[in-house]
N, C-alpha and C. Protein backbone atom coordinates (compact mmCIF):
# COMPACT_ATOMS: atom_id res chain seq x y z
N MET A 1 107.93 -90.18 -31.05
CA MET A 1 109.11 -90.17 -29.79
C MET A 1 109.99 -91.42 -29.78
N THR A 2 110.71 -91.14 -29.99
CA THR A 2 111.99 -92.70 -30.03
C THR A 2 112.57 -93.13 -28.64
N GLU A 3 112.61 -94.41 -28.76
CA GLU A 3 112.90 -94.94 -26.75
C GLU A 3 114.27 -94.12 -26.32
N GLU A 4 115.21 -93.20 -27.37
CA GLU A 4 116.38 -92.61 -26.80
C GLU A 4 115.88 -91.59 -25.86
N THR A 5 114.73 -90.72 -26.19
CA THR A 5 114.15 -89.77 -25.59
C THR A 5 113.03 -89.39 -24.72
N LYS A 6 113.18 -90.88 -24.55
CA LYS A 6 112.15 -90.63 -23.23
C LYS A 6 113.08 -90.98 -21.86
N THR A 7 112.45 -89.97 -20.92
CA THR A 7 113.45 -90.53 -19.63
C THR A 7 112.23 -91.20 -18.73
N PRO A 8 112.95 -91.47 -17.58
CA PRO A 8 112.23 -92.36 -16.98
C PRO A 8 111.39 -91.62 -15.73
N TYR A 9 110.46 -92.00 -15.60
CA TYR A 9 109.15 -90.94 -14.64
C TYR A 9 110.15 -91.11 -12.77
N GLN A 10 109.94 -89.52 -12.85
CA GLN A 10 110.97 -89.17 -11.58
C GLN A 10 109.72 -88.53 -10.68
N VAL A 11 109.51 -88.44 -9.24
CA VAL A 11 108.86 -88.55 -8.40
C VAL A 11 108.96 -86.69 -8.72
N LYS A 12 107.94 -85.76 -8.53
CA LYS A 12 108.55 -84.30 -8.69
C LYS A 12 108.70 -83.53 -7.10
N ARG A 13 107.11 -83.63 -6.15
CA ARG A 13 107.09 -83.61 -4.98
C ARG A 13 107.17 -84.88 -4.25
N VAL A 14 108.55 -84.74 -2.97
CA VAL A 14 108.30 -86.03 -2.51
C VAL A 14 108.27 -85.58 -1.45
N LYS A 15 107.69 -86.74 -0.48
CA LYS A 15 107.12 -85.52 0.97
C LYS A 15 107.43 -86.35 2.03
N TYR A 16 108.30 -86.09 2.86
CA TYR A 16 109.11 -86.89 3.97
C TYR A 16 108.24 -86.80 5.31
N GLY A 17 108.44 -87.89 6.06
CA GLY A 17 107.36 -88.15 7.28
C GLY A 17 108.89 -88.38 8.27
N GLU A 18 108.15 -88.73 9.80
CA GLU A 18 108.77 -89.61 10.57
C GLU A 18 107.63 -90.52 10.85
N LYS A 19 108.08 -91.49 11.57
CA LYS A 19 107.53 -92.55 12.35
C LYS A 19 108.56 -93.05 13.53
N THR A 20 108.03 -93.66 14.31
CA THR A 20 109.22 -94.26 15.23
C THR A 20 108.75 -96.32 14.83
N VAL A 21 109.84 -96.85 14.97
CA VAL A 21 109.93 -98.52 14.84
C VAL A 21 109.97 -98.92 15.83
N GLN A 22 110.05 -100.16 15.93
CA GLN A 22 110.21 -101.06 17.67
C GLN A 22 110.63 -101.96 16.86
N GLY A 23 111.81 -102.55 17.17
CA GLY A 23 112.20 -103.49 17.17
C GLY A 23 113.67 -104.12 18.04
N ARG A 24 114.25 -104.77 17.50
CA ARG A 24 116.04 -105.04 18.29
C ARG A 24 116.59 -103.96 17.72
N VAL A 25 117.41 -103.56 18.72
CA VAL A 25 118.62 -102.77 18.48
C VAL A 25 119.73 -103.95 18.12
N VAL A 26 120.63 -103.31 17.44
CA VAL A 26 121.85 -103.96 16.70
C VAL A 26 122.68 -103.10 15.98
N GLY A 27 124.28 -103.34 16.58
CA GLY A 27 125.32 -102.54 16.27
C GLY A 27 125.74 -101.51 17.77
N ARG A 28 127.12 -100.97 17.40
CA ARG A 28 127.92 -100.61 18.38
C ARG A 28 128.03 -99.38 17.58
N GLY A 29 128.02 -98.53 19.12
CA GLY A 29 128.11 -96.78 18.35
C GLY A 29 127.19 -96.04 17.71
N GLU A 30 127.78 -95.31 16.76
CA GLU A 30 126.70 -94.57 16.38
C GLU A 30 126.10 -94.94 15.27
N ASN A 31 126.30 -96.45 15.43
CA ASN A 31 126.03 -97.22 13.92
C ASN A 31 124.77 -98.63 14.58
N LYS A 32 124.40 -97.83 15.46
CA LYS A 32 123.09 -98.89 15.35
C LYS A 32 122.13 -98.60 14.96
N THR A 33 121.21 -99.76 14.42
CA THR A 33 120.19 -99.89 13.88
C THR A 33 118.86 -100.88 14.18
N VAL A 34 117.92 -100.11 14.08
CA VAL A 34 116.59 -100.88 14.70
C VAL A 34 115.84 -101.85 13.62
N ILE A 35 115.41 -102.94 14.47
CA ILE A 35 114.95 -103.84 12.97
C ILE A 35 113.72 -104.61 13.79
N PRO A 36 113.17 -104.35 12.71
CA PRO A 36 111.49 -104.67 13.24
C PRO A 36 111.79 -106.28 13.21
N GLU A 37 111.07 -106.78 14.13
CA GLU A 37 111.23 -108.26 14.18
C GLU A 37 109.78 -109.18 13.40
N GLU A 38 108.84 -108.38 13.56
CA GLU A 38 108.01 -108.98 12.36
C GLU A 38 108.28 -109.17 10.96
N GLU A 39 109.08 -107.67 10.53
CA GLU A 39 109.31 -108.02 9.59
C GLU A 39 111.12 -108.44 8.69
N PHE A 40 111.91 -108.87 9.74
CA PHE A 40 113.04 -109.78 9.80
C PHE A 40 112.28 -111.19 9.68
N TYR A 41 111.24 -111.53 10.40
CA TYR A 41 110.08 -112.82 10.58
C TYR A 41 109.75 -113.01 9.15
N GLN A 42 109.21 -112.52 9.06
CA GLN A 42 108.49 -112.46 7.52
C GLN A 42 109.29 -112.17 6.30
N MET A 43 110.67 -111.78 6.64
CA MET A 43 111.72 -112.07 5.21
C MET A 43 112.38 -113.34 5.50
N ALA A 44 112.35 -114.09 6.43
CA ALA A 44 112.71 -115.14 6.79
C ALA A 44 112.18 -116.17 7.05
N CYS A 45 111.08 -116.30 6.10
CA CYS A 45 109.71 -117.39 6.23
C CYS A 45 110.16 -117.34 4.53
N LEU A 46 110.34 -116.28 3.66
CA LEU A 46 110.69 -116.29 2.82
C LEU A 46 112.24 -117.31 1.86
N PHE A 47 112.62 -118.20 3.03
CA PHE A 47 114.26 -118.12 2.97
C PHE A 47 115.10 -117.69 2.86
N SER A 48 115.09 -116.20 2.81
CA SER A 48 116.21 -115.08 2.88
C SER A 48 117.12 -115.33 3.50
N THR A 49 118.56 -115.05 2.71
CA THR A 49 119.77 -115.93 3.32
C THR A 49 120.45 -115.00 4.52
N TRP A 50 121.22 -115.03 5.41
CA TRP A 50 122.05 -114.04 5.89
C TRP A 50 122.44 -112.51 5.04
N LYS A 51 123.13 -112.75 4.15
CA LYS A 51 123.42 -112.17 3.25
C LYS A 51 122.63 -111.63 2.77
N ASP A 52 121.11 -111.65 2.03
CA ASP A 52 120.58 -110.75 1.79
C ASP A 52 119.70 -109.96 2.74
N PHE A 53 119.66 -110.50 3.96
CA PHE A 53 119.17 -109.37 5.80
C PHE A 53 120.52 -108.05 6.01
N SER A 54 121.73 -109.01 5.62
CA SER A 54 122.46 -107.87 5.46
C SER A 54 122.93 -106.77 5.00
N ASP A 55 122.37 -107.22 3.45
CA ASP A 55 122.55 -106.23 2.04
C ASP A 55 121.48 -105.41 2.55
N TYR A 56 120.26 -106.09 3.28
CA TYR A 56 118.99 -105.21 3.26
C TYR A 56 118.89 -103.84 4.54
N TYR A 57 119.84 -104.80 5.65
CA TYR A 57 119.97 -103.63 6.62
C TYR A 57 120.64 -102.69 6.50
N GLY A 58 121.65 -103.32 5.95
CA GLY A 58 123.03 -103.05 6.23
C GLY A 58 123.80 -102.78 7.53
N VAL A 59 123.97 -103.95 7.88
CA VAL A 59 123.90 -104.42 9.13
C VAL A 59 125.18 -105.79 8.91
N PRO A 60 126.65 -106.00 9.32
CA PRO A 60 127.22 -107.48 9.21
C PRO A 60 126.51 -108.91 9.83
N GLU A 61 126.87 -109.62 8.78
CA GLU A 61 126.01 -110.79 9.32
C GLU A 61 126.09 -111.58 10.84
N THR A 62 127.15 -111.44 10.73
CA THR A 62 127.62 -111.85 12.38
C THR A 62 126.73 -111.32 13.15
N THR A 63 126.90 -109.70 13.19
CA THR A 63 125.76 -109.12 14.20
C THR A 63 124.31 -109.33 14.10
N LEU A 64 124.00 -109.80 13.04
CA LEU A 64 122.69 -110.71 12.71
C LEU A 64 122.23 -111.66 13.18
N ARG A 65 123.21 -112.54 12.64
CA ARG A 65 123.61 -114.07 13.17
C ARG A 65 123.51 -113.98 15.20
N ASN A 66 123.75 -113.33 15.62
CA ASN A 66 124.19 -112.91 16.70
C ASN A 66 122.46 -113.09 17.72
N ASN A 67 121.85 -111.77 16.65
CA ASN A 67 120.47 -111.11 17.41
C ASN A 67 119.39 -111.79 17.10
N PHE A 68 119.14 -112.27 15.85
CA PHE A 68 118.12 -113.11 15.80
C PHE A 68 118.45 -114.35 15.13
N ALA A 69 119.34 -115.42 15.57
CA ALA A 69 119.22 -116.81 14.91
C ALA A 69 118.22 -116.97 15.62
N ASP A 70 117.51 -116.55 17.07
CA ASP A 70 116.22 -117.10 17.44
C ASP A 70 114.88 -117.40 16.61
N LEU A 71 114.90 -116.02 15.65
CA LEU A 71 113.82 -116.08 14.90
C LEU A 71 113.96 -116.74 13.34
N PHE A 72 115.44 -116.35 13.02
CA PHE A 72 115.41 -116.97 11.76
C PHE A 72 115.46 -118.23 11.29
N THR A 73 115.70 -119.21 13.00
CA THR A 73 115.14 -120.36 12.68
C THR A 73 113.85 -120.79 12.82
N LYS A 74 113.64 -119.94 13.66
CA LYS A 74 111.80 -120.66 13.76
C LYS A 74 110.58 -120.54 12.85
N ALA A 75 111.46 -118.77 12.00
CA ALA A 75 110.76 -119.08 10.74
C ALA A 75 110.93 -119.74 9.70
N ARG A 76 112.22 -120.08 9.69
CA ARG A 76 112.24 -121.06 8.49
C ARG A 76 111.51 -122.65 8.78
N LEU A 77 111.35 -123.22 9.85
CA LEU A 77 110.73 -124.40 10.70
C LEU A 77 109.30 -123.84 10.14
N THR A 78 108.89 -123.05 10.50
CA THR A 78 107.45 -122.64 10.07
C THR A 78 107.11 -123.03 8.13
N THR A 79 107.81 -122.49 7.60
CA THR A 79 107.59 -122.35 6.06
C THR A 79 107.98 -123.44 5.92
N LYS A 80 109.14 -124.64 6.33
CA LYS A 80 109.01 -125.66 6.36
C LYS A 80 108.09 -126.70 6.64
N LYS A 81 107.14 -126.56 7.69
CA LYS A 81 106.09 -127.28 8.52
C LYS A 81 104.84 -126.80 7.48
N LYS A 82 104.56 -125.55 7.44
CA LYS A 82 103.34 -125.63 5.93
C LYS A 82 103.89 -126.06 4.63
N LEU A 83 104.80 -125.86 3.99
CA LEU A 83 105.48 -126.70 2.96
C LEU A 83 105.10 -128.09 3.20
N ARG A 84 104.98 -128.84 4.26
CA ARG A 84 104.85 -130.40 4.53
C ARG A 84 103.32 -130.78 4.57
N GLN A 85 102.75 -129.23 5.13
CA GLN A 85 101.39 -129.53 4.98
C GLN A 85 100.94 -129.89 3.55
N LYS A 86 101.44 -128.66 2.91
CA LYS A 86 100.56 -128.50 1.71
C LYS A 86 101.01 -129.85 1.07
N MET A 87 102.64 -130.72 1.22
CA MET A 87 102.47 -131.42 0.04
C MET A 87 101.56 -132.28 0.50
N LEU A 88 101.64 -133.06 1.48
CA LEU A 88 101.11 -133.86 1.86
C LEU A 88 99.21 -133.70 1.65
N GLU A 89 98.90 -132.70 1.82
CA GLU A 89 97.26 -131.87 1.14
C GLU A 89 97.93 -132.63 0.16
N THR A 90 98.45 -131.60 -1.57
CA THR A 90 98.48 -132.51 -2.13
C THR A 90 98.50 -134.09 -2.84
N ALA A 91 99.31 -134.93 -2.07
CA ALA A 91 99.33 -136.44 -2.40
C ALA A 91 97.96 -136.53 -2.21
N MET A 92 97.35 -136.74 -0.41
CA MET A 92 95.69 -137.13 -0.35
C MET A 92 95.09 -136.31 -1.52
N ASN A 93 95.05 -135.46 -2.31
CA ASN A 93 94.33 -134.71 -3.20
C ASN A 93 93.79 -135.94 -4.52
N GLY A 94 95.10 -136.73 -4.78
CA GLY A 94 95.26 -137.52 -5.91
C GLY A 94 96.54 -136.99 -6.77
N ASP A 95 97.24 -136.31 -5.98
CA ASP A 95 98.10 -136.05 -7.20
C ASP A 95 99.53 -137.40 -7.40
N ARG A 96 99.58 -137.93 -8.48
CA ARG A 96 100.40 -138.88 -8.41
C ARG A 96 101.90 -138.50 -8.17
N VAL A 97 102.10 -137.79 -9.00
CA VAL A 97 103.76 -137.49 -8.82
C VAL A 97 104.12 -137.62 -6.82
N MET A 98 103.26 -136.17 -6.34
CA MET A 98 103.66 -136.38 -4.70
C MET A 98 103.34 -137.21 -4.10
N LEU A 99 102.66 -138.62 -4.47
CA LEU A 99 102.39 -139.41 -3.90
C LEU A 99 103.83 -140.11 -4.07
N ILE A 100 103.64 -140.26 -5.41
CA ILE A 100 105.51 -140.94 -5.57
C ILE A 100 106.17 -140.48 -4.84
N TYR A 101 106.60 -139.77 -4.58
CA TYR A 101 107.43 -138.66 -3.62
C TYR A 101 108.00 -139.05 -2.36
N LEU A 102 106.27 -138.75 -1.92
CA LEU A 102 106.39 -139.09 -0.69
C LEU A 102 106.66 -140.29 0.33
N SER A 103 106.24 -141.07 -0.66
CA SER A 103 106.23 -142.80 -0.37
C SER A 103 107.88 -142.78 -0.72
N LYS A 104 108.55 -142.29 -1.25
CA LYS A 104 110.02 -142.69 -1.81
C LYS A 104 110.78 -141.87 -0.48
N ASN A 105 110.45 -140.76 0.12
CA ASN A 105 111.03 -140.06 0.89
C ASN A 105 110.80 -140.16 2.50
N TRP A 106 109.37 -140.27 2.40
CA TRP A 106 108.81 -140.28 4.04
C TRP A 106 108.87 -141.56 4.47
N LEU A 107 108.62 -142.45 3.42
CA LEU A 107 108.10 -143.81 3.60
C LEU A 107 109.29 -145.10 3.33
N ASP A 108 110.20 -144.42 2.77
CA ASP A 108 111.52 -145.48 2.54
C ASP A 108 111.29 -146.24 1.73
N MET A 109 110.30 -146.20 0.43
CA MET A 109 110.26 -146.83 -0.76
C MET A 109 110.78 -146.61 -1.99
N SER A 110 110.79 -147.27 -2.13
CA SER A 110 111.79 -147.84 -3.86
C SER A 110 110.69 -148.66 -4.83
N ASP A 111 110.81 -148.38 -6.13
CA ASP A 111 111.16 -148.80 -7.45
C ASP A 111 110.88 -150.41 -7.54
N ASN A 112 112.52 -150.78 -7.11
CA ASN A 112 112.75 -152.22 -7.12
C ASN A 112 112.58 -152.93 -5.19
N GLY A 113 111.99 -152.37 -4.74
CA GLY A 113 111.32 -152.89 -3.48
C GLY A 113 112.86 -153.02 -2.49
N THR A 114 113.55 -152.49 -2.36
CA THR A 114 114.29 -153.10 -1.76
C THR A 114 114.17 -151.43 -0.35
N THR A 115 114.31 -151.22 0.56
CA THR A 115 114.48 -150.03 1.44
C THR A 115 116.17 -149.73 1.75
N GLU A 116 116.94 -150.63 1.15
CA GLU A 116 118.57 -150.67 2.08
C GLU A 116 118.62 -149.56 0.51
N LYS A 117 119.61 -148.33 1.37
CA LYS A 117 119.80 -147.04 0.51
C LYS A 117 121.43 -147.06 0.40
N SER A 118 122.45 -148.17 0.69
CA SER A 118 123.43 -148.53 0.54
C SER A 118 123.74 -149.41 -0.44
N ASP A 119 125.10 -149.67 -0.85
CA ASP A 119 125.64 -151.02 -1.16
C ASP A 119 126.85 -151.47 -1.16
N ASP A 120 126.90 -150.72 0.17
CA ASP A 120 127.92 -151.77 0.66
C ASP A 120 127.83 -152.87 1.45
N ASN A 121 126.39 -153.50 1.87
CA ASN A 121 126.14 -154.80 2.25
C ASN A 121 125.89 -155.73 0.94
N MET A 122 127.19 -156.54 1.03
CA MET A 122 127.50 -157.98 -0.03
C MET A 122 127.08 -159.06 0.23
N LEU A 123 126.75 -159.88 -0.81
CA LEU A 123 125.75 -160.98 -0.92
C LEU A 123 126.72 -161.76 -0.17
N PRO A 124 125.71 -162.57 1.02
CA PRO A 124 126.44 -163.80 1.36
C PRO A 124 127.67 -164.52 0.22
N TRP A 125 128.82 -165.27 0.37
CA TRP A 125 129.59 -165.89 -0.88
C TRP A 125 130.26 -166.76 -0.34
N THR A 126 130.26 -168.51 -0.73
CA THR A 126 131.31 -169.24 0.20
C THR A 126 131.35 -169.98 -1.18
N THR A 127 132.01 -170.47 -0.40
CA THR A 127 133.31 -171.36 -1.24
C THR A 127 134.10 -172.02 -0.64
N GLU A 128 133.69 -173.08 -1.38
CA GLU A 128 134.93 -174.34 -0.85
C GLU A 128 135.97 -174.67 -0.75
N PRO A 129 137.31 -174.74 0.03
CA PRO A 129 138.29 -174.50 -0.74
C PRO A 129 138.71 -175.31 -2.08
N GLY A 130 139.35 -175.13 -2.61
CA GLY A 130 139.82 -175.66 -4.51
C GLY A 130 138.36 -175.76 -4.60
N GLU A 131 137.69 -174.96 -4.85
CA GLU A 131 136.29 -175.14 -5.89
C GLU A 131 137.01 -173.48 -6.64
N THR A 132 136.90 -174.32 -7.94
CA THR A 132 136.73 -172.82 -8.94
C THR A 132 135.70 -172.85 -9.73
N ASP A 133 135.56 -171.85 -10.34
CA ASP A 133 134.68 -171.60 -11.82
C ASP A 133 135.40 -171.71 -12.97
N GLU A 134 135.01 -173.00 -13.56
CA GLU A 134 135.81 -173.38 -14.98
C GLU A 134 134.94 -173.74 -15.93
């Protein structure tokens, strides 16, 4: 059998049913959509974007932002917290790369021994009137 003659598997006996979904109702008129909070929260924890949500639920981004900003922010902060905990745990278990990264970023340490991150501080320069480098 060649690859061209193979057909993809298709479900022959589709079963349908009903279920009740509890969540936030968004939209106007007949275009109302119920979005389960826990489902939204789990997706937001994975750093899904507003566009991802809009495409998935078929709801405009602005509508989602107006109705789910609180869950979106909380989910992102939860993930950041978990990531920070894992980074610290990894560093404390002896991962040199993570120790260096955290030292530079959290403790403002650097390889050259200075903690200033800007080059706008000039060295003091004093010259007497009439002096020149000859």
